[in-house]
């Protein structure tokens, strides 16, 4: 059975969609758009049904994010909106949306389009999903020499379990660092991470792979504890 992720901040809409689609599809749903990416990574849906007008993250932002991330870029995104096609369809198509449906939804039409698009869908299998997401971070720890260091760097290789980044510091395998996220000049503690990989180069910096020993909710990718109901 194919799996659908439905993202809509209206409870009544979610209940209606579950009633119409649950006989054909396994349903994962959320009213909170902030959970959408984590749910997509965790549940690996075959398609995403996405409302446009939501608080915190709009459907526009999420659609673009799904198309940017390496794992979700191939998942078809179906927009559901109370706004007319003429107003936003072209913009959503440019962001990578597969189709646009106006509310109130015509479920027969939606089912036909879902069946056609999912017939040839191929799912990517990965033991640990990594996404390309640029994050500014700060590392605090102790170098191989025993000297304490504090360094600001960036990562573009992120998963729910860890990340890779360049560093000017010299660390040994299994060294523990404190990780902080930096946004708009503010720091948020993200957790403790262990060095699990080290790649030297001719440059003055090295690339390290880190795995979290413990992380906070500040880290943008979480293994969701929500399951389909």
N, C-alpha and C. Protein backbone atom coordinates (compact mmCIF):
# COMPACT_ATOMS: atom_id res chain seq x y z
N UNK A 1 0.85 -1.20 0.00
CA UNK A 1 0.00 0.00 0.00
C UNK A 1 0.88 1.25 0.00
N UNK A 2 0.63 2.17 -0.93
CA UNK A 2 1.39 3.41 -0.97
C UNK A 2 1.07 4.27 0.26
N UNK A 3 2.04 5.09 0.63
CA UNK A 3 1.91 5.93 1.82
C UNK A 3 1.85 7.40 1.42
N UNK A 4 0.93 8.15 2.03
CA UNK A 4 0.78 9.57 1.78
C UNK A 4 1.08 10.36 3.05
N UNK A 5 1.81 11.45 2.90
CA UNK A 5 1.99 12.42 3.98
C UNK A 5 1.10 13.61 3.68
N UNK A 6 0.18 13.93 4.60
CA UNK A 6 -0.73 15.06 4.42
C UNK A 6 -0.35 16.14 5.44
N UNK A 7 -0.11 17.34 4.93
CA UNK A 7 0.28 18.47 5.78
C UNK A 7 -0.76 19.57 5.62
N UNK A 8 -1.55 19.79 6.66
CA UNK A 8 -2.60 20.82 6.61
C UNK A 8 -2.91 21.23 8.04
N UNK A 9 -2.96 22.54 8.29
CA UNK A 9 -3.19 23.01 9.66
C UNK A 9 -4.66 22.96 10.08
N UNK A 10 -5.53 22.53 9.18
CA UNK A 10 -6.97 22.44 9.49
C UNK A 10 -7.35 21.01 9.83
N UNK A 11 -7.78 20.78 11.07
CA UNK A 11 -8.11 19.43 11.52
C UNK A 11 -9.24 18.81 10.72
N UNK A 12 -10.25 19.61 10.39
CA UNK A 12 -11.40 19.09 9.65
C UNK A 12 -10.98 18.59 8.28
N UNK A 13 -10.06 19.30 7.62
CA UNK A 13 -9.57 18.87 6.31
C UNK A 13 -8.81 17.55 6.42
N UNK A 14 -7.98 17.43 7.45
CA UNK A 14 -7.24 16.18 7.65
C UNK A 14 -8.18 15.00 7.86
N UNK A 15 -9.23 15.21 8.67
CA UNK A 15 -10.18 14.14 8.93
C UNK A 15 -10.93 13.74 7.66
N UNK A 16 -11.28 14.74 6.85
CA UNK A 16 -12.00 14.47 5.61
C UNK A 16 -11.12 13.69 4.63
N UNK A 17 -9.85 14.08 4.52
CA UNK A 17 -8.94 13.40 3.60
C UNK A 17 -8.66 11.98 4.05
N UNK A 18 -8.52 11.79 5.35
CA UNK A 18 -8.32 10.43 5.86
C UNK A 18 -9.53 9.57 5.53
N UNK A 19 -10.73 10.11 5.68
CA UNK A 19 -11.94 9.33 5.42
C UNK A 19 -12.01 8.91 3.95
N UNK A 20 -11.58 9.77 3.04
CA UNK A 20 -11.67 9.47 1.62
C UNK A 20 -10.50 8.62 1.10
N UNK A 21 -9.35 8.72 1.72
CA UNK A 21 -8.16 8.11 1.14
C UNK A 21 -7.62 6.90 1.90
N UNK A 22 -8.04 6.69 3.14
CA UNK A 22 -7.41 5.66 3.97
C UNK A 22 -7.68 4.24 3.51
N UNK A 23 -8.72 4.02 2.71
CA UNK A 23 -8.96 2.67 2.20
C UNK A 23 -7.95 2.27 1.12
N UNK A 24 -7.41 3.29 0.46
CA UNK A 24 -6.47 3.04 -0.64
C UNK A 24 -5.03 3.26 -0.25
N UNK A 25 -4.80 4.19 0.71
CA UNK A 25 -3.44 4.59 1.06
C UNK A 25 -3.23 4.54 2.57
N UNK A 26 -1.98 4.31 2.95
CA UNK A 26 -1.58 4.47 4.35
C UNK A 26 -1.35 5.96 4.58
N UNK A 27 -1.96 6.50 5.62
CA UNK A 27 -1.95 7.95 5.84
C UNK A 27 -1.05 8.33 7.02
N UNK A 28 -0.17 9.29 6.79
CA UNK A 28 0.59 9.96 7.85
C UNK A 28 0.20 11.42 7.76
N UNK A 29 -0.09 12.06 8.86
CA UNK A 29 -0.62 13.42 8.80
C UNK A 29 -0.06 14.29 9.91
N UNK A 30 -0.09 15.59 9.67
CA UNK A 30 0.30 16.55 10.71
C UNK A 30 -0.39 17.88 10.46
N UNK A 31 -0.77 18.54 11.55
CA UNK A 31 -1.30 19.90 11.48
C UNK A 31 -0.18 20.93 11.61
N UNK A 32 1.00 20.49 11.97
CA UNK A 32 2.13 21.39 12.22
C UNK A 32 3.14 21.30 11.08
N UNK A 33 3.23 22.33 10.24
CA UNK A 33 4.18 22.28 9.11
C UNK A 33 5.63 22.14 9.53
N UNK A 34 5.94 22.48 10.79
CA UNK A 34 7.31 22.36 11.27
C UNK A 34 7.74 20.90 11.37
N UNK A 35 6.78 20.00 11.42
CA UNK A 35 7.08 18.57 11.52
C UNK A 35 7.18 17.89 10.16
N UNK A 36 6.85 18.61 9.10
CA UNK A 36 6.68 17.97 7.78
C UNK A 36 7.95 17.32 7.26
N UNK A 37 9.08 18.02 7.34
CA UNK A 37 10.32 17.46 6.80
C UNK A 37 10.74 16.23 7.60
N UNK A 38 10.66 16.31 8.93
CA UNK A 38 11.03 15.16 9.76
C UNK A 38 10.14 13.96 9.46
N UNK A 39 8.84 14.20 9.27
CA UNK A 39 7.92 13.10 8.96
C UNK A 39 8.24 12.49 7.59
N UNK A 40 8.60 13.34 6.63
CA UNK A 40 8.94 12.83 5.30
C UNK A 40 10.19 11.95 5.36
N UNK A 41 11.19 12.35 6.14
CA UNK A 41 12.41 11.57 6.26
C UNK A 41 12.17 10.28 7.04
N UNK A 42 11.29 10.36 8.02
CA UNK A 42 11.05 9.21 8.88
C UNK A 42 10.15 8.17 8.22
N UNK A 43 9.07 8.63 7.60
CA UNK A 43 8.06 7.70 7.07
C UNK A 43 8.24 7.37 5.59
N UNK A 44 9.07 8.13 4.88
CA UNK A 44 9.36 7.86 3.47
C UNK A 44 8.07 7.72 2.64
N UNK A 45 7.26 8.78 2.58
CA UNK A 45 6.00 8.69 1.83
C UNK A 45 6.23 8.60 0.34
N UNK A 46 5.21 8.08 -0.36
CA UNK A 46 5.26 8.00 -1.82
C UNK A 46 4.78 9.29 -2.46
N UNK A 47 4.00 10.08 -1.72
CA UNK A 47 3.53 11.37 -2.20
C UNK A 47 3.22 12.27 -1.00
N UNK A 48 3.27 13.56 -1.24
CA UNK A 48 2.98 14.54 -0.19
C UNK A 48 1.84 15.43 -0.65
N UNK A 49 0.80 15.55 0.20
CA UNK A 49 -0.32 16.45 -0.06
C UNK A 49 -0.15 17.65 0.86
N UNK A 50 -0.03 18.83 0.28
CA UNK A 50 0.47 19.99 1.02
C UNK A 50 -0.46 21.19 0.88
N UNK A 51 -0.92 21.70 2.03
CA UNK A 51 -1.69 22.94 2.05
C UNK A 51 -0.74 24.11 1.85
N UNK A 52 -1.25 25.22 1.31
CA UNK A 52 -0.39 26.37 1.07
C UNK A 52 -0.32 27.34 2.23
N UNK A 53 -1.47 27.73 2.76
CA UNK A 53 -1.51 28.80 3.76
C UNK A 53 -1.51 28.21 5.17
N UNK A 54 -0.32 28.18 5.77
CA UNK A 54 -0.16 27.64 7.12
C UNK A 54 0.76 28.53 7.92
N UNK A 55 0.61 28.54 9.25
CA UNK A 55 1.51 29.35 10.09
C UNK A 55 2.90 28.74 10.19
N UNK A 56 3.86 29.55 10.57
CA UNK A 56 5.26 29.15 10.80
C UNK A 56 5.99 28.82 9.50
N UNK A 57 5.52 27.81 8.75
CA UNK A 57 6.09 27.50 7.44
C UNK A 57 4.95 27.43 6.44
N UNK A 58 5.04 28.18 5.37
CA UNK A 58 3.99 28.12 4.35
C UNK A 58 4.23 26.91 3.45
N UNK A 59 3.20 26.54 2.70
CA UNK A 59 3.35 25.46 1.74
C UNK A 59 4.38 25.79 0.66
N UNK A 60 4.51 27.07 0.34
CA UNK A 60 5.51 27.48 -0.64
C UNK A 60 6.92 27.11 -0.15
N UNK A 61 7.20 27.46 1.11
CA UNK A 61 8.53 27.17 1.68
C UNK A 61 8.79 25.67 1.76
N UNK A 62 7.77 24.93 2.18
CA UNK A 62 7.94 23.48 2.31
C UNK A 62 8.12 22.81 0.95
N UNK A 63 7.35 23.25 -0.03
CA UNK A 63 7.48 22.68 -1.37
C UNK A 63 8.90 22.87 -1.90
N UNK A 64 9.43 24.07 -1.71
CA UNK A 64 10.80 24.35 -2.15
C UNK A 64 11.81 23.51 -1.38
N UNK A 65 11.58 23.35 -0.08
CA UNK A 65 12.48 22.54 0.74
C UNK A 65 12.47 21.07 0.30
N UNK A 66 11.28 20.53 0.05
CA UNK A 66 11.18 19.14 -0.40
C UNK A 66 11.93 18.93 -1.71
N UNK A 67 11.91 19.91 -2.58
CA UNK A 67 12.59 19.79 -3.85
C UNK A 67 14.10 19.98 -3.72
N UNK A 68 14.54 20.66 -2.67
CA UNK A 68 15.97 20.93 -2.47
C UNK A 68 16.68 19.75 -1.82
N UNK A 69 16.00 19.07 -0.89
CA UNK A 69 16.63 17.98 -0.15
C UNK A 69 16.81 16.75 -1.03
N UNK A 70 17.95 16.12 -0.88
CA UNK A 70 18.32 15.02 -1.79
C UNK A 70 17.36 13.84 -1.69
N UNK A 71 16.85 13.53 -0.51
CA UNK A 71 15.96 12.38 -0.39
C UNK A 71 14.55 12.69 -0.88
N UNK A 72 14.01 13.86 -0.54
CA UNK A 72 12.61 14.17 -0.85
C UNK A 72 12.41 14.77 -2.23
N UNK A 73 13.49 15.07 -2.95
CA UNK A 73 13.36 15.78 -4.23
C UNK A 73 12.57 14.99 -5.26
N UNK A 74 12.52 13.66 -5.13
CA UNK A 74 11.82 12.84 -6.11
C UNK A 74 10.38 12.52 -5.70
N UNK A 75 9.96 12.93 -4.52
CA UNK A 75 8.60 12.63 -4.05
C UNK A 75 7.63 13.64 -4.66
N UNK A 76 6.59 13.19 -5.36
CA UNK A 76 5.63 14.14 -5.93
C UNK A 76 4.88 14.90 -4.84
N UNK A 77 4.76 16.21 -5.05
CA UNK A 77 4.07 17.09 -4.09
C UNK A 77 2.80 17.62 -4.74
N UNK A 78 1.67 17.35 -4.11
CA UNK A 78 0.38 17.79 -4.61
C UNK A 78 -0.12 18.94 -3.72
N UNK A 79 -0.29 20.09 -4.33
CA UNK A 79 -0.74 21.26 -3.59
C UNK A 79 -2.25 21.24 -3.44
N UNK A 80 -2.74 21.56 -2.23
CA UNK A 80 -4.17 21.70 -1.97
C UNK A 80 -4.38 23.10 -1.41
N UNK A 81 -5.24 23.90 -2.03
CA UNK A 81 -5.36 25.28 -1.58
C UNK A 81 -6.76 25.83 -1.83
N UNK A 82 -7.16 26.72 -0.94
CA UNK A 82 -8.40 27.45 -1.13
C UNK A 82 -8.24 28.58 -2.13
N UNK A 83 -7.00 28.87 -2.52
CA UNK A 83 -6.72 29.89 -3.53
C UNK A 83 -6.88 29.28 -4.93
N UNK A 84 -7.25 30.10 -5.89
CA UNK A 84 -7.50 29.61 -7.24
C UNK A 84 -6.21 29.21 -7.94
N UNK A 85 -6.33 28.32 -8.91
CA UNK A 85 -5.18 27.91 -9.71
C UNK A 85 -4.53 29.10 -10.39
N UNK A 86 -5.35 30.01 -10.88
CA UNK A 86 -4.83 31.16 -11.63
C UNK A 86 -3.91 32.01 -10.77
N UNK A 87 -4.13 31.99 -9.47
CA UNK A 87 -3.35 32.85 -8.57
C UNK A 87 -1.98 32.26 -8.26
N UNK A 88 -1.91 30.94 -8.01
CA UNK A 88 -0.66 30.38 -7.49
C UNK A 88 -0.13 29.14 -8.22
N UNK A 89 -0.88 28.58 -9.16
CA UNK A 89 -0.45 27.32 -9.77
C UNK A 89 0.92 27.45 -10.45
N UNK A 90 1.12 28.48 -11.24
CA UNK A 90 2.39 28.63 -11.96
C UNK A 90 3.56 28.76 -10.98
N UNK A 91 3.35 29.52 -9.91
CA UNK A 91 4.41 29.71 -8.92
C UNK A 91 4.75 28.37 -8.25
N UNK A 92 3.72 27.60 -7.90
CA UNK A 92 3.95 26.31 -7.26
C UNK A 92 4.65 25.34 -8.22
N UNK A 93 4.27 25.39 -9.48
CA UNK A 93 4.92 24.54 -10.48
C UNK A 93 6.41 24.87 -10.58
N UNK A 94 6.72 26.17 -10.54
CA UNK A 94 8.12 26.60 -10.59
C UNK A 94 8.89 26.15 -9.35
N UNK A 95 8.20 25.97 -8.24
CA UNK A 95 8.84 25.49 -7.02
C UNK A 95 9.01 23.97 -7.01
N UNK A 96 8.38 23.30 -7.98
CA UNK A 96 8.54 21.85 -8.09
C UNK A 96 7.31 21.03 -7.80
N UNK A 97 6.15 21.69 -7.58
CA UNK A 97 4.93 20.94 -7.30
C UNK A 97 4.51 20.12 -8.52
N UNK A 98 3.96 18.94 -8.27
CA UNK A 98 3.52 18.05 -9.34
C UNK A 98 2.15 18.44 -9.88
N UNK A 99 1.24 18.83 -8.96
CA UNK A 99 -0.12 19.18 -9.37
C UNK A 99 -0.72 20.15 -8.36
N UNK A 100 -1.79 20.80 -8.77
CA UNK A 100 -2.44 21.82 -7.93
C UNK A 100 -3.94 21.53 -7.90
N UNK A 101 -4.50 21.40 -6.70
CA UNK A 101 -5.92 21.13 -6.54
C UNK A 101 -6.55 22.20 -5.66
N UNK A 102 -7.66 22.74 -6.15
CA UNK A 102 -8.38 23.75 -5.39
C UNK A 102 -9.30 23.08 -4.36
N UNK A 103 -9.46 23.75 -3.22
CA UNK A 103 -10.43 23.31 -2.22
C UNK A 103 -11.77 24.00 -2.51
N UNK A 104 -12.90 23.35 -2.27
CA UNK A 104 -13.04 21.97 -1.79
C UNK A 104 -12.53 20.96 -2.83
N UNK A 105 -11.87 19.94 -2.35
CA UNK A 105 -11.21 18.98 -3.22
C UNK A 105 -12.21 18.10 -3.96
N UNK A 106 -11.89 17.81 -5.20
CA UNK A 106 -12.63 16.82 -5.99
C UNK A 106 -11.86 15.51 -5.83
N UNK A 107 -12.33 14.65 -4.93
CA UNK A 107 -11.55 13.49 -4.54
C UNK A 107 -11.40 12.46 -5.65
N UNK A 108 -12.38 12.34 -6.52
CA UNK A 108 -12.23 11.40 -7.64
C UNK A 108 -11.07 11.82 -8.53
N UNK A 109 -10.98 13.13 -8.80
CA UNK A 109 -9.90 13.65 -9.63
C UNK A 109 -8.55 13.48 -8.93
N UNK A 110 -8.53 13.75 -7.62
CA UNK A 110 -7.30 13.61 -6.85
C UNK A 110 -6.83 12.16 -6.85
N UNK A 111 -7.75 11.23 -6.64
CA UNK A 111 -7.38 9.80 -6.63
C UNK A 111 -6.83 9.35 -7.97
N UNK A 112 -7.44 9.81 -9.06
CA UNK A 112 -6.96 9.43 -10.39
C UNK A 112 -5.54 9.94 -10.62
N UNK A 113 -5.28 11.18 -10.21
CA UNK A 113 -3.95 11.75 -10.42
C UNK A 113 -2.92 11.06 -9.54
N UNK A 114 -3.27 10.77 -8.30
CA UNK A 114 -2.37 10.05 -7.40
C UNK A 114 -2.01 8.68 -7.97
N UNK A 115 -3.03 7.95 -8.42
CA UNK A 115 -2.79 6.60 -8.95
C UNK A 115 -1.86 6.64 -10.16
N UNK A 116 -2.07 7.63 -11.02
CA UNK A 116 -1.24 7.74 -12.23
C UNK A 116 0.20 8.07 -11.89
N UNK A 117 0.41 9.00 -10.95
CA UNK A 117 1.77 9.42 -10.62
C UNK A 117 2.52 8.39 -9.80
N UNK A 118 1.80 7.65 -8.96
CA UNK A 118 2.47 6.70 -8.07
C UNK A 118 2.75 5.36 -8.74
N UNK A 119 2.15 5.14 -9.89
CA UNK A 119 2.33 3.86 -10.57
C UNK A 119 3.79 3.59 -10.90
N UNK A 120 4.50 4.66 -11.26
CA UNK A 120 5.91 4.49 -11.66
C UNK A 120 6.88 5.08 -10.65
N UNK A 121 6.40 5.37 -9.45
CA UNK A 121 7.27 5.97 -8.45
C UNK A 121 8.30 4.97 -7.96
N UNK A 122 9.56 5.40 -7.92
CA UNK A 122 10.63 4.57 -7.38
C UNK A 122 11.14 5.20 -6.11
N UNK A 123 11.16 4.44 -5.06
CA UNK A 123 11.62 4.97 -3.78
C UNK A 123 13.11 4.74 -3.60
N UNK A 124 13.77 5.76 -3.09
CA UNK A 124 15.19 5.66 -2.81
C UNK A 124 15.38 5.06 -1.43
N UNK A 125 16.22 4.04 -1.33
CA UNK A 125 16.47 3.38 -0.07
C UNK A 125 17.83 3.81 0.48
N UNK A 126 17.84 4.29 1.71
CA UNK A 126 19.10 4.66 2.35
C UNK A 126 19.06 4.26 3.81
N UNK A 127 20.18 3.78 4.30
CA UNK A 127 20.23 3.41 5.71
C UNK A 127 20.11 4.65 6.58
N UNK A 128 20.77 5.72 6.16
CA UNK A 128 20.70 6.98 6.90
C UNK A 128 20.56 8.10 5.89
N UNK A 129 19.43 8.78 5.96
CA UNK A 129 19.14 9.82 4.99
C UNK A 129 19.94 11.08 5.30
N UNK A 130 20.70 11.53 4.32
CA UNK A 130 21.44 12.78 4.46
C UNK A 130 20.86 13.81 3.51
N UNK A 131 20.80 15.04 3.95
CA UNK A 131 20.24 16.10 3.13
C UNK A 131 21.25 17.23 2.99
N UNK A 132 21.10 17.96 1.92
CA UNK A 132 21.96 19.12 1.71
C UNK A 132 21.27 20.34 2.33
N UNK A 133 21.75 20.74 3.47
CA UNK A 133 21.16 21.85 4.22
C UNK A 133 22.30 22.66 4.83
N UNK A 134 22.39 23.92 4.48
CA UNK A 134 23.48 24.76 4.98
C UNK A 134 23.16 25.27 6.38
N UNK A 135 23.99 24.90 7.33
CA UNK A 135 23.83 25.33 8.72
C UNK A 135 25.13 25.95 9.21
N UNK A 136 25.00 27.07 9.90
CA UNK A 136 26.16 27.67 10.56
C UNK A 136 26.22 27.12 11.97
N UNK A 137 27.38 26.57 12.35
CA UNK A 137 27.50 25.93 13.66
C UNK A 137 28.77 26.38 14.37
N UNK A 138 28.78 26.17 15.67
CA UNK A 138 29.97 26.39 16.47
C UNK A 138 30.31 25.09 17.18
N UNK A 139 31.60 24.73 17.16
CA UNK A 139 32.09 23.54 17.84
C UNK A 139 32.97 23.94 19.01
N UNK A 140 32.79 23.29 20.13
CA UNK A 140 33.65 23.49 21.30
C UNK A 140 34.16 22.14 21.76
N UNK A 141 35.47 22.04 21.93
CA UNK A 141 36.04 20.77 22.35
C UNK A 141 37.50 20.88 22.70
N UNK A 142 38.20 19.76 22.64
CA UNK A 142 39.63 19.70 22.98
C UNK A 142 40.37 19.06 21.81
N UNK A 143 41.42 19.71 21.35
CA UNK A 143 42.22 19.19 20.24
C UNK A 143 43.07 18.00 20.71
N UNK A 144 43.70 17.34 19.73
CA UNK A 144 44.55 16.20 20.03
C UNK A 144 45.69 16.58 20.97
N UNK A 145 46.12 17.85 20.90
CA UNK A 145 47.22 18.33 21.75
C UNK A 145 46.78 18.60 23.18
N UNK A 146 45.48 18.56 23.42
CA UNK A 146 44.97 18.86 24.75
C UNK A 146 44.51 20.30 24.89
N UNK A 147 44.65 21.10 23.83
CA UNK A 147 44.25 22.50 23.88
C UNK A 147 42.75 22.62 23.60
N UNK A 148 42.08 23.38 24.46
CA UNK A 148 40.65 23.62 24.24
C UNK A 148 40.47 24.55 23.04
N UNK A 149 39.44 24.30 22.26
CA UNK A 149 39.19 25.15 21.11
C UNK A 149 37.71 25.49 21.01
N UNK A 150 37.44 26.58 20.33
CA UNK A 150 36.08 27.02 20.01
C UNK A 150 36.13 27.55 18.58
N UNK A 151 35.36 26.95 17.69
CA UNK A 151 35.47 27.27 16.27
C UNK A 151 34.11 27.37 15.60
N UNK A 152 33.94 28.39 14.77
CA UNK A 152 32.72 28.56 14.00
C UNK A 152 32.94 28.05 12.58
N UNK A 153 32.01 27.23 12.09
CA UNK A 153 32.15 26.65 10.76
C UNK A 153 30.77 26.45 10.16
N UNK A 154 30.70 25.75 9.03
CA UNK A 154 29.43 25.48 8.37
C UNK A 154 29.36 24.01 7.97
N UNK A 155 28.14 23.50 7.86
CA UNK A 155 27.92 22.17 7.32
C UNK A 155 26.85 22.24 6.24
N UNK A 156 27.03 21.43 5.20
CA UNK A 156 26.00 21.29 4.17
C UNK A 156 25.64 19.83 3.97
N UNK A 157 26.07 18.99 4.92
CA UNK A 157 25.84 17.56 4.85
C UNK A 157 25.27 17.12 6.20
N UNK A 158 23.95 16.97 6.26
CA UNK A 158 23.25 16.85 7.53
C UNK A 158 22.33 15.64 7.54
N UNK A 159 22.23 14.98 8.68
CA UNK A 159 21.23 13.94 8.88
C UNK A 159 20.65 14.11 10.27
N UNK A 160 19.68 13.27 10.61
CA UNK A 160 19.12 13.35 11.96
C UNK A 160 20.11 12.85 13.00
N UNK A 161 21.12 12.08 12.55
CA UNK A 161 22.07 11.48 13.48
C UNK A 161 23.40 12.21 13.56
N UNK A 162 23.69 13.11 12.61
CA UNK A 162 24.99 13.77 12.63
C UNK A 162 25.17 14.72 11.47
N UNK A 163 26.45 15.00 11.16
CA UNK A 163 26.78 15.96 10.12
C UNK A 163 28.25 15.84 9.76
N UNK A 164 28.64 16.47 8.65
CA UNK A 164 30.04 16.59 8.27
C UNK A 164 30.37 18.06 8.09
N UNK A 165 31.58 18.45 8.46
CA UNK A 165 31.98 19.84 8.30
C UNK A 165 33.51 19.95 8.26
N UNK A 166 33.98 21.09 7.77
CA UNK A 166 35.40 21.39 7.78
C UNK A 166 35.79 22.00 9.13
N UNK A 167 37.04 21.78 9.52
CA UNK A 167 37.53 22.35 10.77
C UNK A 167 39.02 22.64 10.68
N UNK A 168 39.43 23.74 11.28
CA UNK A 168 40.85 24.07 11.36
C UNK A 168 41.52 23.36 12.54
N UNK A 169 40.70 22.82 13.43
CA UNK A 169 41.23 22.16 14.62
C UNK A 169 41.62 20.72 14.31
N UNK A 170 42.54 20.18 15.10
CA UNK A 170 42.99 18.80 14.93
C UNK A 170 42.35 17.94 16.01
N UNK A 171 41.47 17.06 15.58
CA UNK A 171 40.75 16.20 16.52
C UNK A 171 41.05 14.74 16.23
N UNK A 172 40.96 13.92 17.25
CA UNK A 172 41.16 12.49 17.08
C UNK A 172 39.80 11.80 17.01
N UNK A 173 39.81 10.61 16.45
CA UNK A 173 38.57 9.84 16.38
C UNK A 173 38.04 9.56 17.78
N UNK A 174 36.73 9.65 17.92
CA UNK A 174 35.99 9.45 19.18
C UNK A 174 36.04 10.65 20.10
N UNK A 175 36.69 11.74 19.67
CA UNK A 175 36.66 12.97 20.47
C UNK A 175 35.23 13.50 20.53
N UNK A 176 34.87 14.12 21.64
CA UNK A 176 33.52 14.65 21.84
C UNK A 176 33.56 16.17 21.75
N UNK A 177 32.60 16.74 21.00
CA UNK A 177 32.49 18.19 20.91
C UNK A 177 31.09 18.62 21.29
N UNK A 178 30.98 19.87 21.76
CA UNK A 178 29.68 20.50 21.99
C UNK A 178 29.30 21.22 20.70
N UNK A 179 28.04 21.09 20.28
CA UNK A 179 27.59 21.66 19.02
C UNK A 179 26.53 22.72 19.28
N UNK A 180 26.71 23.88 18.65
CA UNK A 180 25.76 24.98 18.77
C UNK A 180 25.33 25.42 17.37
N UNK A 181 24.05 25.68 17.19
CA UNK A 181 23.54 26.25 15.95
C UNK A 181 23.58 27.77 16.07
N UNK A 182 23.97 28.44 14.98
CA UNK A 182 24.04 29.90 14.97
C UNK A 182 23.07 30.43 13.93
N UNK A 183 22.16 31.29 14.35
CA UNK A 183 21.18 31.88 13.45
C UNK A 183 20.90 33.30 13.89
N UNK A 184 21.07 34.25 12.96
CA UNK A 184 20.84 35.68 13.25
C UNK A 184 21.67 36.14 14.44
N UNK A 185 22.89 35.61 14.55
CA UNK A 185 23.78 36.01 15.62
C UNK A 185 23.50 35.36 16.95
N UNK A 186 22.50 34.49 17.04
CA UNK A 186 22.15 33.83 18.29
C UNK A 186 22.58 32.37 18.26
N UNK A 187 22.97 31.85 19.43
CA UNK A 187 23.41 30.47 19.53
C UNK A 187 22.35 29.62 20.23
N UNK A 188 22.16 28.40 19.71
CA UNK A 188 21.31 27.42 20.35
C UNK A 188 22.09 26.12 20.54
N UNK A 189 22.04 25.58 21.73
CA UNK A 189 22.76 24.34 22.00
C UNK A 189 22.06 23.19 21.28
N UNK A 190 22.81 22.44 20.46
CA UNK A 190 22.25 21.34 19.67
C UNK A 190 22.59 19.97 20.22
N UNK A 191 23.64 19.89 21.06
CA UNK A 191 23.97 18.60 21.66
C UNK A 191 25.46 18.27 21.63
N UNK A 192 25.79 17.04 22.01
CA UNK A 192 27.16 16.53 21.98
C UNK A 192 27.32 15.57 20.81
N UNK A 193 28.45 15.68 20.11
CA UNK A 193 28.70 14.81 18.96
C UNK A 193 30.10 14.22 19.05
N UNK A 194 30.25 13.02 18.52
CA UNK A 194 31.52 12.28 18.56
C UNK A 194 32.12 12.23 17.15
N UNK A 195 33.42 12.39 17.05
CA UNK A 195 34.10 12.28 15.77
C UNK A 195 34.12 10.81 15.34
N UNK A 196 33.52 10.53 14.18
CA UNK A 196 33.48 9.15 13.69
C UNK A 196 34.24 9.01 12.37
N UNK A 197 34.63 10.13 11.80
CA UNK A 197 35.32 10.09 10.51
C UNK A 197 36.22 11.30 10.38
N UNK A 198 37.38 11.10 9.77
CA UNK A 198 38.33 12.19 9.60
C UNK A 198 38.98 12.06 8.23
N UNK A 199 38.93 13.16 7.47
CA UNK A 199 39.53 13.18 6.14
C UNK A 199 40.53 14.31 6.06
N UNK A 200 41.80 13.97 5.90
CA UNK A 200 42.84 14.99 5.77
C UNK A 200 42.96 15.43 4.32
N UNK A 201 43.51 16.62 4.10
CA UNK A 201 43.74 17.12 2.75
C UNK A 201 44.97 18.01 2.77
N UNK A 202 45.35 18.50 1.60
CA UNK A 202 46.50 19.39 1.54
C UNK A 202 46.19 20.77 2.09
N UNK A 203 44.91 21.06 2.29
CA UNK A 203 44.52 22.36 2.83
C UNK A 203 44.77 22.41 4.32
N UNK A 204 44.77 23.62 4.91
CA UNK A 204 45.00 23.73 6.35
C UNK A 204 43.85 23.18 7.19
N UNK A 205 42.71 22.93 6.56
CA UNK A 205 41.57 22.38 7.29
C UNK A 205 41.39 20.89 6.99
N UNK A 206 40.63 20.24 7.83
CA UNK A 206 40.27 18.84 7.64
C UNK A 206 38.75 18.73 7.65
N UNK A 207 38.26 17.65 7.09
CA UNK A 207 36.82 17.40 7.14
C UNK A 207 36.55 16.27 8.13
N UNK A 208 35.59 16.50 9.00
CA UNK A 208 35.24 15.53 10.02
C UNK A 208 33.77 15.12 9.89
N UNK A 209 33.52 13.86 10.18
CA UNK A 209 32.16 13.37 10.29
C UNK A 209 31.82 13.19 11.76
N UNK A 210 30.65 13.70 12.17
CA UNK A 210 30.23 13.64 13.57
C UNK A 210 28.92 12.88 13.70
N UNK A 211 28.80 12.14 14.79
CA UNK A 211 27.55 11.46 15.13
C UNK A 211 27.13 11.93 16.52
N UNK A 212 25.87 12.31 16.63
CA UNK A 212 25.39 12.81 17.92
C UNK A 212 25.35 11.71 18.97
N UNK A 213 25.86 12.04 20.14
CA UNK A 213 25.70 11.19 21.32
C UNK A 213 24.41 11.55 22.05
N UNK A 214 24.01 12.78 21.88
CA UNK A 214 22.77 13.30 22.45
C UNK A 214 22.50 14.65 21.82
N UNK A 215 21.26 14.90 21.42
CA UNK A 215 20.96 16.17 20.77
C UNK A 215 19.67 16.75 21.30
N UNK A 216 19.50 18.06 21.09
CA UNK A 216 18.31 18.76 21.53
C UNK A 216 17.36 18.94 20.35
N UNK A 217 16.19 19.49 20.62
CA UNK A 217 15.21 19.76 19.57
C UNK A 217 15.62 20.93 18.68
N UNK A 218 16.72 21.60 19.04
CA UNK A 218 17.21 22.69 18.19
C UNK A 218 17.75 22.15 16.87
N UNK A 219 18.23 20.89 16.86
CA UNK A 219 18.75 20.32 15.60
C UNK A 219 17.59 20.17 14.63
N UNK A 220 17.71 20.68 13.39
CA UNK A 220 16.56 20.76 12.49
C UNK A 220 16.02 19.43 11.99
N UNK A 221 16.84 18.36 12.01
CA UNK A 221 16.36 17.05 11.58
C UNK A 221 16.26 16.14 12.79
N UNK A 222 15.06 15.67 13.05
CA UNK A 222 14.81 14.79 14.18
C UNK A 222 14.16 13.51 13.69
N UNK A 223 14.45 12.40 14.37
CA UNK A 223 13.72 11.17 14.11
C UNK A 223 12.37 11.34 14.76
N UNK A 224 11.35 11.50 13.94
CA UNK A 224 10.02 11.80 14.47
C UNK A 224 9.47 10.63 15.28
N UNK A 225 8.83 10.96 16.39
CA UNK A 225 8.18 9.94 17.20
C UNK A 225 6.71 9.79 16.83
N UNK A 226 6.26 10.64 15.90
CA UNK A 226 4.87 10.55 15.46
C UNK A 226 4.72 9.40 14.48
N UNK A 227 3.69 8.65 14.58
CA UNK A 227 3.39 7.56 13.68
C UNK A 227 2.01 7.76 13.09
N UNK A 228 1.76 7.12 11.99
CA UNK A 228 0.44 7.22 11.39
C UNK A 228 -0.59 6.61 12.33
N UNK A 229 -1.71 7.31 12.40
CA UNK A 229 -2.75 6.84 13.29
C UNK A 229 -3.76 5.96 12.58
